[in-house]
Amino acid sequence: IPPGNYTLTAFWDWKPFEAAGNVHVSALADFKGAHVAEVSQNKLLAGSGKVAATLEGSDFEFTTKVDVEKLRDEFSVPTSVRFLLPKGLREGPQDQMEVQIDTNDLAPGDYALLISQQDGGSRPVNFRILPDPPRIANLPIVVNHGAAIQHFVLKGERLDLVSKLEAAGAVFRFDPAGSEPIATERSVTVELKAPPAPGTALPITAHLADRSEPLTFARGLEIAGPLPAIASFKLSMPVDLGIALGPGEFPAGSTLNALLDTRNLERTSTLRVGCGDASGDETVLRIGEQSGSSNLQQLSPDQLFLALDTAKVPAGCSLAAVIDNGRGGKSKPFTLARIVRVPRIDSFMLLDDPAPGAQRAYRLTGENLEMVAKTGWDENNGVDAPNLPAPVAGPGFRQTLDVTLPDPAPPQAMLFIWLRGDAHGRATKIAAPAAPPVVPPALPPVTPPQ
C-alpha cells in the first residue's frame, strides 16, 4: 500500500458503514540523512569501552535490528549492538535513536551501523572509531617579539591529526604532514600579527580531524623577547705566520681571538661555535667560562670576547657562532672564518747546482707540507710538487718536501706557495737561497816564448 492516510469501510447485513478515524501508512526510512551526532562521534575512541551514541537525521521508529561492521575489510563479520527507541517500535515518528557500541575490540577506522527495518533489508550509517587524540610534548610554542615569521617543530604523537591551530593575534601554517602512520614531528610557521609584550602566554586551540570539539592548551603560545643576533666581529690574526691568508681565512692550530658585537644578550646566554656543515664537535661556552682551550667574556652589554683553540677544528670548516638564549631562541649562524691548514716551513735550501738556465732542486723542511701543491716565484706561475713529503726521523711530524724551480729573477725573490685547491699562489716571507757563485772556466796555460 503506498504511504498515506486511509479510512476503513465495511458492510454489515448488506449495509455499508465506515470506521471512525484514519489509518496512517508510513514509508520506511532510507537513512540517507542519518548520522552519528557530533557529540557522540567525539566519544567513540578505540579501546574506551561501551559508549552510548546518538543517531539523528532520520525516522527510526521501524528499526528492528542494528549491527556494526568495519568498512573495507573483507574478513569483517557484522556484530549485533543494542539499541533503544525513545517511544518504542512503531510508536510514531522518532528522529533519534540510542545505540551502545563496545569500542574495546574496535581498531581506529571507518565503520557502519547496519540498520534493519521490518522489510528485512539493512541500510548503513557510517561513522568512525577514533584514535587517541594527539599529544604535544614540547608546548609552549615560543616565538620572539619583533620577528615576522618564525619556525617551530612540534613533537609528540599522532600530530597528523591536528588540522589547524589558532591563537589570538597569530597565524599558524603547517608544513604537509609526513606519510608515517603516527606523526611524531610536525613543522609549523608562526606569524605574529599583533604581538603582545614579551612574557605574555596565550591559549592555543587545536582543531582535530574527525572531531568537532577542539583541544585547548591554556599556555600554548609564549612571547619571548627579541631574538639574539651577532651584528659584526673583528678577528686578531696570528703574527709571524710566514704565509699569506686570503679574506676570511684563519690558520688551523692557532688560537682564534674575536670581538663579537651582539644584540639582545641575556645573563644566561651561551655561545655555540662549530662548523657550518655540522662536521666536527660543537663547543658550547657560557659567558665568563674559561678553560684550557676556550674563553668567553662579556666586555660590555653588547660585546663578547672569544678565544678558541682551533687545533681540533677540521681544515675547510666554516667556523660559525650562534648565540643561544634558551627558550628565548637562537641567533642566525654568523660565520667567523674558514679554517685552513697552513704549512709551517722551518728551512728552504738549495740541493744542487745545475748548468745555468736549468731548473734547480730545493728542499722545504717543516710541518703540514702535504698541503703544498705548487711552488713558484710569483702568484701566477707555479711548478707542481711531484711527490708527497717525506717524514723526518724522530718525534713529531716534521717533514721534507723536494721541489724543482727555475732560477729566481731577481735572485732574492720571495717564494710563493699554492695550497691544494688554490687558484693563485700565496706570498711567503721565505727568500730564495743564494745560488753558488759561478766559477769561470779555467784558461789554458800560457807557454812562455823560447
Protein backbone atom coordinates (compact mmCIF):
# COMPACT_ATOMS: atom_id res chain seq x y z
CA ILE A 1 0.00 0.00 0.00
CA PRO A 2 1.54 3.40 -0.86
CA PRO A 3 2.18 5.69 2.09
CA GLY A 4 -0.71 7.97 3.00
CA ASN A 5 -3.90 8.28 5.09
CA TYR A 6 -6.65 5.70 4.62
CA THR A 7 -10.14 5.00 6.00
CA LEU A 8 -11.76 1.61 6.71
CA THR A 9 -15.18 0.81 5.22
CA ALA A 10 -17.25 -2.40 5.55
CA PHE A 11 -20.66 -3.97 5.12
CA TRP A 12 -22.86 -5.31 7.89
CA ASP A 13 -26.01 -7.14 6.80
CA TRP A 14 -25.51 -5.66 3.35
CA LYS A 15 -25.37 -2.20 4.74
CA PRO A 16 -22.13 -0.17 4.30
CA PHE A 17 -20.56 1.66 7.20
CA GLU A 18 -17.24 3.48 7.85
CA ALA A 19 -14.95 3.11 10.86
CA ALA A 20 -14.18 6.37 12.61
CA GLY A 21 -10.61 7.72 12.28
CA ASN A 22 -7.81 7.28 9.76
CA VAL A 23 -5.24 4.60 9.14
CA HIS A 24 -1.78 6.13 8.60
CA VAL A 25 0.59 4.16 6.33
CA SER A 26 4.18 5.48 6.69
CA ALA A 27 7.15 4.94 4.38
CA LEU A 28 10.21 3.15 5.71
CA ALA A 29 13.17 5.50 6.17
CA ASP A 30 16.11 5.30 3.72
CA PHE A 31 18.51 6.77 6.37
CA LYS A 32 20.27 8.90 3.74
CA GLY A 33 20.45 11.79 6.19
CA ALA A 34 21.09 9.66 9.27
CA HIS A 35 24.38 10.19 11.11
CA VAL A 36 26.04 9.86 14.49
CA ALA A 37 25.65 13.08 16.47
CA GLU A 38 28.85 15.12 16.71
CA VAL A 39 28.97 14.90 20.48
CA SER A 40 28.70 11.12 20.28
CA GLN A 41 31.26 10.84 17.48
CA ASN A 42 33.83 12.61 19.65
CA LYS A 43 33.39 9.93 22.33
CA LEU A 44 33.97 6.93 20.05
CA LEU A 45 37.62 6.29 20.90
CA ALA A 46 39.23 2.92 20.29
CA GLY A 47 39.54 0.90 23.49
CA SER A 48 37.35 3.25 25.56
CA GLY A 49 34.73 0.62 26.46
CA LYS A 50 30.98 0.69 25.89
CA VAL A 51 29.84 4.06 24.54
CA ALA A 52 26.23 5.23 24.19
CA ALA A 53 25.93 7.04 20.85
CA THR A 54 23.02 9.03 19.48
CA LEU A 55 21.85 8.66 15.89
CA GLU A 56 19.87 11.50 14.34
CA GLY A 57 18.73 12.88 11.00
CA SER A 58 16.01 10.33 10.09
CA ASP A 59 12.94 8.46 11.40
CA PHE A 60 13.99 5.37 13.34
CA GLU A 61 10.53 4.18 14.53
CA PHE A 62 10.55 0.94 12.47
CA THR A 63 14.06 -0.22 13.45
CA THR A 64 14.19 -3.89 14.34
CA LYS A 65 17.94 -4.62 14.44
CA VAL A 66 21.30 -2.80 14.41
CA ASP A 67 24.70 -4.35 13.52
CA VAL A 68 28.17 -2.78 13.39
CA GLU A 69 30.62 -3.66 10.59
CA LYS A 70 34.14 -2.46 9.68
CA LEU A 71 34.33 -0.98 6.21
CA ARG A 72 36.80 -2.09 3.55
CA ASP A 73 37.59 -5.28 5.48
CA GLU A 74 36.59 -8.42 3.62
CA PHE A 75 37.00 -10.53 6.76
CA SER A 76 34.81 -8.33 8.94
CA VAL A 77 31.72 -10.01 10.41
CA PRO A 78 28.78 -7.77 11.44
CA THR A 79 28.19 -7.76 15.20
CA SER A 80 24.83 -7.01 16.78
CA VAL A 81 24.61 -3.94 19.03
CA ARG A 82 21.93 -2.91 21.47
CA PHE A 83 19.67 -0.01 20.57
CA LEU A 84 16.88 1.96 22.24
CA LEU A 85 13.94 3.83 20.64
CA PRO A 86 12.63 6.69 22.81
CA LYS A 87 8.94 5.75 22.27
CA GLY A 88 9.29 2.14 21.19
CA LEU A 89 8.75 0.24 17.94
CA ARG A 90 6.02 1.71 15.69
CA GLU A 91 5.02 4.29 18.27
CA GLY A 92 5.18 7.24 15.89
CA PRO A 93 7.99 9.21 14.26
CA GLN A 94 11.25 9.21 16.26
CA ASP A 95 14.12 11.36 14.97
CA GLN A 96 16.72 9.92 17.36
CA MET A 97 17.89 6.50 18.45
CA GLU A 98 20.47 5.42 21.03
CA VAL A 99 22.95 2.61 20.27
CA GLN A 100 25.57 1.09 22.53
CA ILE A 101 28.93 0.45 20.82
CA ASP A 102 31.62 -1.58 22.55
CA THR A 103 34.90 0.00 21.39
CA ASN A 104 37.20 -2.36 23.29
CA ASP A 105 37.75 -4.63 20.27
CA LEU A 106 37.42 -1.99 17.55
CA ALA A 107 40.56 -0.56 15.96
CA PRO A 108 40.57 3.04 14.71
CA GLY A 109 38.99 3.31 11.28
CA ASP A 110 35.77 3.56 9.28
CA TYR A 111 32.68 1.59 10.33
CA ALA A 112 28.98 1.38 9.50
CA LEU A 113 25.89 0.80 11.61
CA LEU A 114 23.62 -1.53 9.57
CA ILE A 115 20.03 -0.63 10.48
CA SER A 116 17.36 -3.21 9.66
CA GLN A 117 13.63 -2.50 9.40
CA GLN A 118 10.58 -4.72 9.01
CA ASP A 119 11.15 -5.00 5.24
CA GLY A 120 14.09 -7.30 6.01
CA GLY A 121 16.77 -5.08 4.39
CA SER A 122 19.51 -3.05 6.09
CA ARG A 123 20.88 0.42 5.38
CA PRO A 124 24.30 1.74 6.50
CA VAL A 125 25.05 4.78 8.63
CA ASN A 126 28.78 5.47 8.53
CA PHE A 127 30.86 6.59 11.50
CA ARG A 128 34.47 6.42 12.72
CA ILE A 129 36.23 4.81 15.63
CA LEU A 130 38.79 7.45 16.55
CA PRO A 131 42.37 7.00 17.74
CA ASP A 132 43.52 8.70 20.91
CA PRO A 133 43.83 12.47 20.49
CA PRO A 134 47.26 13.87 19.60
CA ARG A 135 49.79 14.56 22.32
CA ILE A 136 52.04 17.61 22.02
CA ALA A 137 55.08 17.19 24.24
CA ASN A 138 57.01 20.45 23.72
CA LEU A 139 54.49 23.19 24.37
CA PRO A 140 54.51 26.11 24.72
CA ILE A 141 55.41 27.30 21.24
CA VAL A 142 57.92 30.08 21.94
CA VAL A 143 58.08 32.93 19.44
CA ASN A 144 60.15 36.09 19.60
CA HIS A 145 58.86 39.61 19.75
CA GLY A 146 59.74 41.56 16.62
CA ALA A 147 60.35 38.59 14.32
CA ALA A 148 57.91 38.40 11.39
CA ILE A 149 57.68 34.67 10.60
CA GLN A 150 59.25 32.01 12.79
CA HIS A 151 59.55 28.24 12.52
CA PHE A 152 58.77 25.71 15.23
CA VAL A 153 58.78 21.90 15.26
CA LEU A 154 56.01 20.29 17.29
CA LYS A 155 56.99 17.00 18.92
CA GLY A 156 54.69 14.35 20.33
CA GLU A 157 52.38 11.63 19.00
CA ARG A 158 49.65 11.47 16.32
CA LEU A 159 50.38 15.04 15.25
CA ASP A 160 48.96 14.28 11.79
CA LEU A 161 45.51 14.54 13.41
CA VAL A 162 45.98 18.27 14.08
CA SER A 163 44.32 20.11 11.19
CA LYS A 164 44.53 23.69 12.43
CA LEU A 165 45.98 25.81 15.25
CA GLU A 166 44.52 29.11 16.43
CA ALA A 167 45.65 31.79 18.89
CA ALA A 168 44.82 35.47 19.30
CA GLY A 169 46.97 37.66 17.04
CA ALA A 170 48.85 34.71 15.49
CA VAL A 171 48.61 32.83 12.19
CA PHE A 172 49.84 29.21 12.08
CA ARG A 173 50.70 27.37 8.87
CA PHE A 174 51.55 23.68 8.84
CA ASP A 175 54.05 22.02 6.56
CA PRO A 176 52.50 18.94 4.91
CA ALA A 177 52.20 16.02 7.33
CA GLY A 178 54.53 13.10 6.80
CA SER A 179 53.44 9.72 5.48
CA GLU A 180 54.16 7.81 8.69
CA PRO A 181 51.06 6.37 10.42
CA ILE A 182 51.74 8.16 13.72
CA ALA A 183 53.45 11.51 13.15
CA THR A 184 55.88 12.38 15.95
CA GLU A 185 57.06 15.70 14.48
CA ARG A 186 55.28 18.48 12.59
CA SER A 187 56.81 21.72 11.32
CA VAL A 188 54.77 24.89 11.70
CA THR A 189 55.40 28.55 10.92
CA VAL A 190 54.07 31.25 13.22
CA GLU A 191 53.32 34.81 12.12
CA LEU A 192 52.51 37.36 14.80
CA LYS A 193 50.02 39.93 13.50
CA ALA A 194 49.78 41.96 16.71
CA PRO A 195 52.44 40.66 19.11
CA PRO A 196 51.79 41.28 22.81
CA ALA A 197 54.54 42.22 25.22
CA PRO A 198 57.35 39.70 25.89
CA GLY A 199 56.44 37.32 28.70
CA THR A 200 52.80 37.00 27.60
CA ALA A 201 51.32 33.48 27.43
CA LEU A 202 48.29 32.80 25.22
CA PRO A 203 45.99 29.78 24.85
CA ILE A 204 46.14 27.73 21.65
CA THR A 205 43.13 25.94 20.16
CA ALA A 206 43.95 22.79 18.20
CA HIS A 207 41.32 21.58 15.73
CA LEU A 208 41.43 17.86 15.08
CA ALA A 209 40.48 15.67 12.16
CA ASP A 210 37.10 13.84 12.58
CA ARG A 211 36.35 15.67 15.83
CA SER A 212 34.01 18.62 16.30
CA GLU A 213 35.45 19.61 19.67
CA PRO A 214 38.96 21.16 19.58
CA LEU A 215 41.64 20.80 22.23
CA THR A 216 42.65 23.90 24.17
CA PHE A 217 46.11 24.39 25.66
CA ALA A 218 45.99 27.17 28.25
CA ARG A 219 49.61 28.33 27.82
CA GLY A 220 50.27 27.01 24.33
CA LEU A 221 51.95 30.15 22.91
CA GLU A 222 54.59 32.17 24.72
CA ILE A 223 56.00 35.51 23.57
CA ALA A 224 59.73 35.82 24.28
CA GLY A 225 61.99 38.82 23.88
CA PRO A 226 63.67 39.70 20.59
CA LEU A 227 65.96 37.14 19.03
CA PRO A 228 69.66 37.48 19.82
CA ALA A 229 71.98 38.42 16.96
CA ILE A 230 75.66 38.79 16.11
CA ALA A 231 75.94 42.09 14.23
CA SER A 232 79.67 42.16 13.42
CA PHE A 233 83.04 40.87 14.61
CA LYS A 234 86.78 41.53 14.48
CA LEU A 235 89.48 38.85 14.32
CA SER A 236 93.03 39.14 15.62
CA MET A 237 95.34 37.25 13.23
CA PRO A 238 98.48 35.39 14.40
CA VAL A 239 101.77 37.24 13.93
CA ASP A 240 104.80 35.87 12.03
CA LEU A 241 102.66 33.33 10.19
CA GLY A 242 105.02 33.36 7.20
CA ILE A 243 102.34 32.56 4.57
CA ALA A 244 99.64 34.95 3.34
CA LEU A 245 96.00 34.13 4.08
CA GLY A 246 93.00 35.02 1.94
CA PRO A 247 89.99 37.07 3.12
CA GLY A 248 88.03 35.22 5.78
CA GLU A 249 90.70 32.55 6.36
CA PHE A 250 92.24 31.56 9.67
CA PRO A 251 95.09 29.10 10.23
CA ALA A 252 94.20 25.83 11.91
CA GLY A 253 96.02 25.17 15.16
CA SER A 254 96.21 28.85 16.16
CA THR A 255 94.11 30.44 18.89
CA LEU A 256 91.26 32.43 17.38
CA ASN A 257 90.67 35.75 19.17
CA ALA A 258 87.44 37.51 18.16
CA LEU A 259 85.47 40.53 19.37
CA LEU A 260 81.72 39.98 18.75
CA ASP A 261 79.23 42.84 18.55
CA THR A 262 75.92 41.35 19.69
CA ARG A 263 72.26 42.23 20.24
CA ASN A 264 69.77 41.05 22.89
CA LEU A 265 72.20 39.16 25.11
CA GLU A 266 70.80 37.67 28.30
CA ARG A 267 72.53 36.78 31.52
CA THR A 268 72.14 33.08 30.78
CA SER A 269 73.09 33.26 27.08
CA THR A 270 75.51 30.69 25.69
CA LEU A 271 77.69 30.82 22.58
CA ARG A 272 77.75 27.78 20.30
CA VAL A 273 80.75 27.57 17.97
CA GLY A 274 81.09 24.88 15.33
CA CYS A 275 81.36 24.12 11.62
CA GLY A 276 78.54 25.41 9.49
CA ASP A 277 78.06 21.98 7.89
CA ALA A 278 77.82 20.31 11.35
CA SER A 279 81.11 18.43 10.88
CA GLY A 280 83.34 18.20 13.93
CA ASP A 281 82.37 18.85 17.53
CA GLU A 282 80.42 21.90 18.65
CA THR A 283 81.85 23.97 21.50
CA VAL A 284 79.28 25.45 23.91
CA LEU A 285 80.54 28.33 26.06
CA ARG A 286 78.85 30.19 28.89
CA ILE A 287 79.63 33.83 29.49
CA GLY A 288 82.52 34.05 31.94
CA GLU A 289 83.64 30.45 31.31
CA GLN A 290 87.33 29.80 30.74
CA SER A 291 89.20 26.55 30.10
CA GLY A 292 92.49 25.40 28.62
CA SER A 293 91.07 25.58 25.08
CA SER A 294 88.47 28.38 25.20
CA ASN A 295 87.48 31.61 26.90
CA LEU A 296 84.28 33.71 26.66
CA GLN A 297 83.99 37.03 28.46
CA GLN A 298 81.43 39.86 28.28
CA LEU A 299 83.21 43.19 27.82
CA SER A 300 80.06 45.34 27.68
CA PRO A 301 76.28 44.76 27.42
CA ASP A 302 76.66 44.15 23.66
CA GLN A 303 80.23 42.85 23.28
CA LEU A 304 81.77 39.41 23.79
CA PHE A 305 85.42 38.39 23.63
CA LEU A 306 86.04 34.85 22.34
CA ALA A 307 89.30 32.92 22.45
CA LEU A 308 89.19 29.43 20.91
CA ASP A 309 91.94 26.90 20.21
CA THR A 310 91.38 25.66 16.63
CA ALA A 311 93.74 22.67 16.90
CA LYS A 312 90.83 20.20 16.72
CA VAL A 313 88.80 22.09 14.10
CA PRO A 314 88.92 20.24 10.75
CA ALA A 315 90.51 22.03 7.79
CA GLY A 316 87.95 23.52 5.42
CA CYS A 317 85.48 24.16 8.25
CA SER A 318 83.48 27.39 8.00
CA LEU A 319 83.55 28.23 11.69
CA ALA A 320 80.24 29.80 12.76
CA ALA A 321 78.93 31.18 16.05
CA VAL A 322 75.35 31.14 17.38
CA ILE A 323 74.03 32.93 20.47
CA ASP A 324 71.57 30.67 22.31
CA ASN A 325 69.11 32.32 24.71
CA GLY A 326 67.41 29.03 25.61
CA ARG A 327 63.64 29.48 25.46
CA GLY A 328 64.28 32.95 24.06
CA GLY A 329 65.58 31.49 20.79
CA LYS A 330 68.84 31.38 18.86
CA SER A 331 70.56 33.85 16.60
CA LYS A 332 71.25 33.09 12.98
CA PRO A 333 74.65 31.42 12.46
CA PHE A 334 77.38 34.01 11.93
CA THR A 335 80.47 32.86 10.02
CA LEU A 336 83.72 33.83 11.73
CA ALA A 337 86.35 32.31 9.44
CA ARG A 338 87.20 29.43 7.13
CA ILE A 339 89.80 27.26 8.82
CA VAL A 340 92.75 26.35 6.58
CA ARG A 341 95.64 24.03 7.35
CA VAL A 342 98.76 26.09 6.63
CA PRO A 343 102.22 24.52 6.35
CA ARG A 344 104.94 25.64 8.74
CA ILE A 345 108.28 25.98 6.93
CA ASP A 346 111.45 25.95 9.02
CA SER A 347 114.03 25.99 6.19
CA PHE A 348 114.30 26.31 2.42
CA MET A 349 117.61 25.19 0.89
CA LEU A 350 119.21 24.57 -2.48
CA LEU A 351 120.20 20.97 -3.19
CA ASP A 352 122.28 21.04 -6.36
CA ASP A 353 124.00 23.31 -8.83
CA PRO A 354 122.91 22.59 -12.40
CA ALA A 355 124.10 24.37 -15.51
CA PRO A 356 122.84 27.95 -15.84
CA GLY A 357 119.27 28.16 -17.13
CA ALA A 358 118.23 24.68 -15.98
CA GLN A 359 115.87 24.09 -13.04
CA ARG A 360 117.33 23.66 -9.60
CA ALA A 361 116.28 21.29 -6.80
CA TYR A 362 115.17 22.78 -3.47
CA ARG A 363 114.13 21.25 -0.17
CA LEU A 364 111.43 22.53 2.19
CA THR A 365 111.58 21.36 5.81
CA GLY A 366 108.69 21.85 8.28
CA GLU A 367 105.20 20.53 9.08
CA ASN A 368 101.91 20.14 7.15
CA LEU A 369 103.86 20.12 3.89
CA GLU A 370 101.28 17.75 2.39
CA MET A 371 99.17 20.89 1.82
CA VAL A 372 101.69 22.25 -0.72
CA ALA A 373 100.51 21.66 -4.30
CA LYS A 374 102.83 24.05 -6.20
CA THR A 375 105.70 26.43 -5.65
CA GLY A 376 106.91 29.40 -7.69
CA TRP A 377 108.46 32.88 -7.71
CA ASP A 378 105.20 34.79 -8.40
CA GLU A 379 101.48 34.22 -7.85
CA ASN A 380 100.70 33.11 -11.41
CA ASN A 381 103.46 30.70 -12.41
CA GLY A 382 103.71 27.63 -10.24
CA VAL A 383 105.51 24.33 -10.64
CA ASP A 384 103.77 21.19 -9.37
CA ALA A 385 105.25 19.46 -6.33
CA PRO A 386 105.86 15.99 -7.82
CA ASN A 387 105.87 13.91 -4.63
CA LEU A 388 104.39 13.74 -1.16
CA PRO A 389 106.59 14.95 1.71
CA ALA A 390 108.94 12.51 3.42
CA PRO A 391 108.84 12.17 7.22
CA VAL A 392 111.89 13.19 9.24
CA ALA A 393 113.11 10.53 11.68
CA GLY A 394 112.40 11.30 15.31
CA PRO A 395 109.44 12.53 17.36
CA GLY A 396 106.87 14.95 15.99
CA PHE A 397 105.54 15.47 12.47
CA ARG A 398 108.49 17.12 10.76
CA GLN A 399 108.71 16.54 7.01
CA THR A 400 110.79 17.39 3.97
CA LEU A 401 109.46 18.17 0.50
CA ASP A 402 111.71 18.36 -2.57
CA VAL A 403 110.65 20.69 -5.40
CA THR A 404 112.26 21.94 -8.60
CA LEU A 405 112.16 25.57 -9.72
CA PRO A 406 113.86 27.75 -12.31
CA ASP A 407 116.33 30.36 -11.15
CA PRO A 408 114.52 33.25 -9.46
CA ALA A 409 114.52 36.71 -11.01
CA PRO A 410 115.62 38.72 -9.12
CA PRO A 411 117.97 36.37 -7.23
CA GLN A 412 116.46 37.28 -3.83
CA ALA A 413 112.82 36.76 -4.87
CA MET A 414 110.32 35.54 -2.28
CA LEU A 415 108.77 32.08 -2.56
CA PHE A 416 105.06 31.66 -3.46
CA ILE A 417 103.16 28.56 -2.36
CA TRP A 418 99.89 27.10 -3.70
CA LEU A 419 97.87 25.16 -1.15
CA ARG A 420 95.71 22.37 -2.52
CA GLY A 421 92.70 23.93 -4.22
CA ASP A 422 94.29 27.38 -4.64
CA ALA A 423 93.98 29.16 -7.98
CA HIS A 424 96.82 31.60 -7.24
CA GLY A 425 99.99 31.42 -5.23
CA ARG A 426 100.29 32.77 -1.70
CA ALA A 427 103.15 35.09 -0.80
CA THR A 428 105.54 33.94 1.90
CA LYS A 429 108.41 35.53 3.83
CA ILE A 430 110.85 32.90 2.55
CA ALA A 431 113.61 34.26 0.34
CA ALA A 432 115.31 32.25 -2.36
CA PRO A 433 118.57 30.73 -1.13
CA ALA A 434 121.68 32.23 -2.63
CA ALA A 435 122.93 30.28 -5.61
CA PRO A 436 126.58 29.24 -5.50
CA PRO A 437 128.83 31.63 -7.38
CA VAL A 438 129.52 30.84 -10.98
CA VAL A 439 133.17 29.74 -11.37
CA PRO A 440 134.61 30.83 -14.76
CA PRO A 441 136.24 28.09 -16.80
CA ALA A 442 140.00 27.74 -16.36
CA LEU A 443 142.15 29.37 -19.05
CA PRO A 444 144.74 27.18 -20.90
CA PRO A 445 148.30 27.64 -19.66
CA VAL A 446 150.38 30.21 -21.42
CA THR A 447 153.63 28.88 -22.91
CA PRO A 448 156.44 31.36 -22.43
CA PRO A 449 158.32 32.30 -25.58
CA GLN A 450 161.54 30.46 -26.25
